């Protein structure tokens, strides 16, 4: 059975770009690896968005 070809998304393209310089598991999974950096930035942005939303609602209800 032939495999269906999956279209590349923007996320796939970005991941390919990030992994271009891959130099082993430590570069991705290590103490200061890519996964840790991405996780940290994702959480920071989510928290910032939540705080902005909360402050916006507080401002509108005054």
PDB file of N, CA and C in Angstrom:
ATOM      1  N   UNK A   1       0.848  -1.176   0.000  1.00  0.00           N
ATOM      2  CA  UNK A   1       0.000   0.000   0.000  1.00  0.00           C
ATOM      3  C   UNK A   1       0.893   1.239   0.000  1.00  0.00           C
ATOM      4  N   UNK A   2       0.710   2.137  -0.970  1.00  0.00           N
ATOM      5  CA  UNK A   2       1.557   3.342  -1.033  1.00  0.00           C
ATOM      6  C   UNK A   2       1.245   4.303   0.106  1.00  0.00           C
ATOM      7  N   UNK A   3       2.283   4.950   0.579  1.00  0.00           N
ATOM      8  CA  UNK A   3       2.117   5.943   1.631  1.00  0.00           C
ATOM      9  C   UNK A   3       1.566   7.231   1.052  1.00  0.00           C
ATOM     10  N   UNK A   4       0.675   7.856   1.818  1.00  0.00           N
ATOM     11  CA  UNK A   4       0.176   9.157   1.391  1.00  0.00           C
ATOM     12  C   UNK A   4       1.233  10.202   1.698  1.00  0.00           C
ATOM     13  N   UNK A   5       1.407  11.109   0.788  1.00  0.00           N
ATOM     14  CA  UNK A   5       2.375  12.182   0.974  1.00  0.00           C
ATOM     15  C   UNK A   5       1.759  13.262   1.856  1.00  0.00           C
ATOM     16  N   UNK A   6       2.452  13.604   2.918  1.00  0.00           N
ATOM     17  CA  UNK A   6       1.960  14.618   3.841  1.00  0.00           C
ATOM     18  C   UNK A   6       2.553  15.961   3.447  1.00  0.00           C
ATOM     19  N   UNK A   7       1.674  16.942   3.293  1.00  0.00           N
ATOM     20  CA  UNK A   7       2.146  18.277   2.934  1.00  0.00           C
ATOM     21  C   UNK A   7       2.921  18.883   4.087  1.00  0.00           C
ATOM     22  N   UNK A   8       3.986  19.583   3.744  1.00  0.00           N
ATOM     23  CA  UNK A   8       4.802  20.249   4.740  1.00  0.00           C
ATOM     24  C   UNK A   8       4.114  21.516   5.211  1.00  0.00           C
ATOM     25  N   UNK A   9       4.006  21.639   6.518  1.00  0.00           N
ATOM     26  CA  UNK A   9       3.395  22.829   7.100  1.00  0.00           C
ATOM     27  C   UNK A   9       4.483  23.841   7.420  1.00  0.00           C
ATOM     28  N   UNK A  10       4.067  25.014   7.815  1.00  0.00           N
ATOM     29  CA  UNK A  10       5.020  26.058   8.224  1.00  0.00           C
ATOM     30  C   UNK A  10       5.832  25.575   9.424  1.00  0.00           C
ATOM     31  N   UNK A  11       5.172  24.863  10.344  1.00  0.00           N
ATOM     32  CA  UNK A  11       5.870  24.324  11.518  1.00  0.00           C
ATOM     33  C   UNK A  11       6.953  23.337  11.092  1.00  0.00           C
ATOM     34  N   UNK A  12       6.656  22.502  10.102  1.00  0.00           N
ATOM     35  CA  UNK A  12       7.655  21.552   9.594  1.00  0.00           C
ATOM     36  C   UNK A  12       8.857  22.290   9.010  1.00  0.00           C
ATOM     37  N   UNK A  13       8.581  23.341   8.265  1.00  0.00           N
ATOM     38  CA  UNK A  13       9.661  24.124   7.664  1.00  0.00           C
ATOM     39  C   UNK A  13      10.532  24.774   8.735  1.00  0.00           C
ATOM     40  N   UNK A  14       9.888  25.313   9.760  1.00  0.00           N
ATOM     41  CA  UNK A  14      10.639  25.937  10.852  1.00  0.00           C
ATOM     42  C   UNK A  14      11.479  24.913  11.604  1.00  0.00           C
ATOM     43  N   UNK A  15      10.905  23.740  11.854  1.00  0.00           N
ATOM     44  CA  UNK A  15      11.664  22.683  12.528  1.00  0.00           C
ATOM     45  C   UNK A  15      12.857  22.241  11.691  1.00  0.00           C
ATOM     46  N   UNK A  16      12.647  22.093  10.397  1.00  0.00           N
ATOM     47  CA  UNK A  16      13.768  21.737   9.515  1.00  0.00           C
ATOM     48  C   UNK A  16      14.883  22.767   9.616  1.00  0.00           C
ATOM     49  N   UNK A  17      14.490  24.034   9.634  1.00  0.00           N
ATOM     50  CA  UNK A  17      15.479  25.110   9.733  1.00  0.00           C
ATOM     51  C   UNK A  17      16.223  25.048  11.074  1.00  0.00           C
ATOM     52  N   UNK A  18      15.491  24.819  12.155  1.00  0.00           N
ATOM     53  CA  UNK A  18      16.115  24.740  13.470  1.00  0.00           C
ATOM     54  C   UNK A  18      17.061  23.544  13.584  1.00  0.00           C
ATOM     55  N   UNK A  19      16.724  22.461  12.913  1.00  0.00           N
ATOM     56  CA  UNK A  19      17.520  21.237  13.024  1.00  0.00           C
ATOM     57  C   UNK A  19      18.650  21.140  12.001  1.00  0.00           C
ATOM     58  N   UNK A  20      18.781  22.148  11.148  1.00  0.00           N
ATOM     59  CA  UNK A  20      19.848  22.149  10.136  1.00  0.00           C
ATOM     60  C   UNK A  20      21.225  21.904  10.738  1.00  0.00           C
ATOM     61  N   UNK A  21      21.476  22.531  11.861  1.00  0.00           N
ATOM     62  CA  UNK A  21      22.797  22.447  12.483  1.00  0.00           C
ATOM     63  C   UNK A  21      22.852  21.382  13.574  1.00  0.00           C
ATOM     64  N   UNK A  22      21.946  20.431  13.531  1.00  0.00           N
ATOM     65  CA  UNK A  22      21.884  19.349  14.499  1.00  0.00           C
ATOM     66  C   UNK A  22      23.234  18.654  14.603  1.00  0.00           C
ATOM     67  N   UNK A  23      23.732  18.549  15.831  1.00  0.00           N
ATOM     68  CA  UNK A  23      25.050  17.951  16.032  1.00  0.00           C
ATOM     69  C   UNK A  23      24.998  16.825  17.061  1.00  0.00           C
ATOM     70  N   UNK A  24      23.882  16.163  17.164  1.00  0.00           N
ATOM     71  CA  UNK A  24      23.739  15.056  18.089  1.00  0.00           C
ATOM     72  C   UNK A  24      22.631  15.293  19.092  1.00  0.00           C
ATOM     73  N   UNK A  25      22.285  14.252  19.846  1.00  0.00           N
ATOM     74  CA  UNK A  25      21.178  14.331  20.801  1.00  0.00           C
ATOM     75  C   UNK A  25      21.342  15.431  21.845  1.00  0.00           C
ATOM     76  N   UNK A  26      22.553  15.683  22.281  1.00  0.00           N
ATOM     77  CA  UNK A  26      22.804  16.712  23.301  1.00  0.00           C
ATOM     78  C   UNK A  26      22.355  18.092  22.820  1.00  0.00           C
ATOM     79  N   UNK A  27      22.509  18.365  21.538  1.00  0.00           N
ATOM     80  CA  UNK A  27      22.115  19.665  20.980  1.00  0.00           C
ATOM     81  C   UNK A  27      20.602  19.865  21.030  1.00  0.00           C
ATOM     82  N   UNK A  28      19.848  18.770  21.067  1.00  0.00           N
ATOM     83  CA  UNK A  28      18.390  18.874  21.116  1.00  0.00           C
ATOM     84  C   UNK A  28      17.862  18.630  22.521  1.00  0.00           C
ATOM     85  N   UNK A  29      18.362  17.586  23.170  1.00  0.00           N
ATOM     86  CA  UNK A  29      17.803  17.165  24.450  1.00  0.00           C
ATOM     87  C   UNK A  29      18.621  17.542  25.671  1.00  0.00           C
ATOM     88  N   UNK A  30      19.787  18.112  25.472  1.00  0.00           N
ATOM     89  CA  UNK A  30      20.687  18.423  26.570  1.00  0.00           C
ATOM     90  C   UNK A  30      20.220  19.562  27.450  1.00  0.00           C
ATOM     91  N   UNK A  31      21.026  19.865  28.451  1.00  0.00           N
ATOM     92  CA  UNK A  31      20.715  20.884  29.450  1.00  0.00           C
ATOM     93  C   UNK A  31      20.298  22.211  28.816  1.00  0.00           C
ATOM     94  N   UNK A  32      21.018  22.677  27.832  1.00  0.00           N
ATOM     95  CA  UNK A  32      20.683  23.919  27.138  1.00  0.00           C
ATOM     96  C   UNK A  32      20.275  23.642  25.697  1.00  0.00           C
ATOM     97  N   UNK A  33      19.693  22.483  25.479  1.00  0.00           N
ATOM     98  CA  UNK A  33      19.332  22.062  24.127  1.00  0.00           C
ATOM     99  C   UNK A  33      18.133  22.790  23.553  1.00  0.00           C
ATOM    100  N   UNK A  34      17.893  22.519  22.308  1.00  0.00           N
ATOM    101  CA  UNK A  34      16.816  23.156  21.558  1.00  0.00           C
ATOM    102  C   UNK A  34      15.456  22.939  22.207  1.00  0.00           C
ATOM    103  N   UNK A  35      15.180  21.734  22.672  1.00  0.00           N
ATOM    104  CA  UNK A  35      13.883  21.445  23.273  1.00  0.00           C
ATOM    105  C   UNK A  35      13.649  22.306  24.512  1.00  0.00           C
ATOM    106  N   UNK A  36      14.646  22.450  25.337  1.00  0.00           N
ATOM    107  CA  UNK A  36      14.508  23.275  26.542  1.00  0.00           C
ATOM    108  C   UNK A  36      14.297  24.747  26.167  1.00  0.00           C
ATOM    109  N   UNK A  37      15.044  25.225  25.190  1.00  0.00           N
ATOM    110  CA  UNK A  37      14.907  26.618  24.767  1.00  0.00           C
ATOM    111  C   UNK A  37      13.511  26.889  24.204  1.00  0.00           C
ATOM    112  N   UNK A  38      13.036  25.989  23.358  1.00  0.00           N
ATOM    113  CA  UNK A  38      11.709  26.163  22.768  1.00  0.00           C
ATOM    114  C   UNK A  38      10.613  26.095  23.826  1.00  0.00           C
ATOM    115  N   UNK A  39      10.736  25.150  24.743  1.00  0.00           N
ATOM    116  CA  UNK A  39       9.742  25.019  25.818  1.00  0.00           C
ATOM    117  C   UNK A  39       9.685  26.277  26.664  1.00  0.00           C
ATOM    118  N   UNK A  40      10.837  26.792  27.019  1.00  0.00           N
ATOM    119  CA  UNK A  40      10.913  28.004  27.847  1.00  0.00           C
ATOM    120  C   UNK A  40      10.243  29.181  27.138  1.00  0.00           C
ATOM    121  N   UNK A  41      10.561  29.369  25.877  1.00  0.00           N
ATOM    122  CA  UNK A  41       9.995  30.493  25.131  1.00  0.00           C
ATOM    123  C   UNK A  41       8.490  30.351  24.935  1.00  0.00           C
ATOM    124  N   UNK A  42       8.041  29.109  24.704  1.00  0.00           N
ATOM    125  CA  UNK A  42       6.614  28.868  24.527  1.00  0.00           C
ATOM    126  C   UNK A  42       5.843  29.188  25.801  1.00  0.00           C
ATOM    127  N   UNK A  43       6.350  28.734  26.938  1.00  0.00           N
ATOM    128  CA  UNK A  43       5.694  29.003  28.215  1.00  0.00           C
ATOM    129  C   UNK A  43       5.710  30.499  28.520  1.00  0.00           C
ATOM    130  N   UNK A  44       6.832  31.161  28.278  1.00  0.00           N
ATOM    131  CA  UNK A  44       6.919  32.606  28.525  1.00  0.00           C
ATOM    132  C   UNK A  44       5.903  33.370  27.694  1.00  0.00           C
ATOM    133  N   UNK A  45       5.774  33.007  26.433  1.00  0.00           N
ATOM    134  CA  UNK A  45       4.813  33.709  25.563  1.00  0.00           C
ATOM    135  C   UNK A  45       3.377  33.437  25.973  1.00  0.00           C
ATOM    136  N   UNK A  46       3.094  32.194  26.363  1.00  0.00           N
ATOM    137  CA  UNK A  46       1.740  31.856  26.801  1.00  0.00           C
ATOM    138  C   UNK A  46       1.390  32.630  28.065  1.00  0.00           C
ATOM    139  N   UNK A  47       2.323  32.708  29.003  1.00  0.00           N
ATOM    140  CA  UNK A  47       2.080  33.453  30.239  1.00  0.00           C
ATOM    141  C   UNK A  47       1.909  34.944  29.962  1.00  0.00           C
ATOM    142  N   UNK A  48       2.707  35.479  29.066  1.00  0.00           N
ATOM    143  CA  UNK A  48       2.589  36.888  28.708  1.00  0.00           C
ATOM    144  C   UNK A  48       1.231  37.174  28.067  1.00  0.00           C
ATOM    145  N   UNK A  49       0.790  36.285  27.197  1.00  0.00           N
ATOM    146  CA  UNK A  49      -0.516  36.458  26.555  1.00  0.00           C
ATOM    147  C   UNK A  49      -1.633  36.383  27.587  1.00  0.00           C
ATOM    148  N   UNK A  50      -1.514  35.451  28.531  1.00  0.00           N
ATOM    149  CA  UNK A  50      -2.513  35.316  29.586  1.00  0.00           C
ATOM    150  C   UNK A  50      -2.552  36.567  30.460  1.00  0.00           C
ATOM    151  N   UNK A  51      -1.399  37.079  30.823  1.00  0.00           N
ATOM    152  CA  UNK A  51      -1.325  38.286  31.644  1.00  0.00           C
ATOM    153  C   UNK A  51      -1.917  39.481  30.896  1.00  0.00           C
ATOM    154  N   UNK A  52      -1.565  39.615  29.629  1.00  0.00           N
ATOM    155  CA  UNK A  52      -2.108  40.719  28.821  1.00  0.00           C
ATOM    156  C   UNK A  52      -3.626  40.630  28.736  1.00  0.00           C
ATOM    157  N   UNK A  53      -4.135  39.431  28.520  1.00  0.00           N
ATOM    158  CA  UNK A  53      -5.580  39.224  28.426  1.00  0.00           C
ATOM    159  C   UNK A  53      -6.251  39.575  29.757  1.00  0.00           C
ATOM    160  N   UNK A  54      -5.658  39.111  30.845  1.00  0.00           N
ATOM    161  CA  UNK A  54      -6.206  39.394  32.176  1.00  0.00           C
ATOM    162  C   UNK A  54      -6.234  40.904  32.459  1.00  0.00           C
ATOM    163  N   UNK A  55      -5.140  41.587  32.165  1.00  0.00           N
ATOM    164  CA  UNK A  55      -5.067  43.027  32.407  1.00  0.00           C
ATOM    165  C   UNK A  55      -6.033  43.789  31.513  1.00  0.00           C
ATOM    166  N   UNK A  56      -6.216  43.316  30.295  1.00  0.00           N
ATOM    167  CA  UNK A  56      -7.149  43.945  29.367  1.00  0.00           C
ATOM    168  C   UNK A  56      -8.575  43.821  29.891  1.00  0.00           C
ATOM    169  N   UNK A  57      -8.933  42.642  30.398  1.00  0.00           N
ATOM    170  CA  UNK A  57     -10.271  42.451  30.945  1.00  0.00           C
ATOM    171  C   UNK A  57     -10.487  43.310  32.178  1.00  0.00           C
ATOM    172  N   UNK A  58      -9.471  43.381  33.019  1.00  0.00           N
ATOM    173  CA  UNK A  58      -9.552  44.192  34.240  1.00  0.00           C
ATOM    174  C   UNK A  58      -9.774  45.660  33.877  1.00  0.00           C
ATOM    175  N   UNK A  59      -9.051  46.125  32.872  1.00  0.00           N
ATOM    176  CA  UNK A  59      -9.154  47.518  32.432  1.00  0.00           C
ATOM    177  C   UNK A  59     -10.548  47.813  31.873  1.00  0.00           C
ATOM    178  N   UNK A  60     -11.113  46.878  31.126  1.00  0.00           N
ATOM    179  CA  UNK A  60     -12.443  47.079  30.516  1.00  0.00           C
ATOM    180  C   UNK A  60     -13.560  47.051  31.543  1.00  0.00           C
ATOM    181  N   UNK A  61     -13.364  46.348  32.646  1.00  0.00           N
ATOM    182  CA  UNK A  61     -14.436  46.218  33.639  1.00  0.00           C
ATOM    183  C   UNK A  61     -14.438  47.373  34.647  1.00  0.00           C
ATOM    184  N   UNK A  62     -13.462  48.257  34.545  1.00  0.00           N
ATOM    185  CA  UNK A  62     -13.390  49.388  35.483  1.00  0.00           C
ATOM    186  C   UNK A  62     -14.254  50.516  35.011  1.00  0.00           C
TER     187      UNK A  62
END
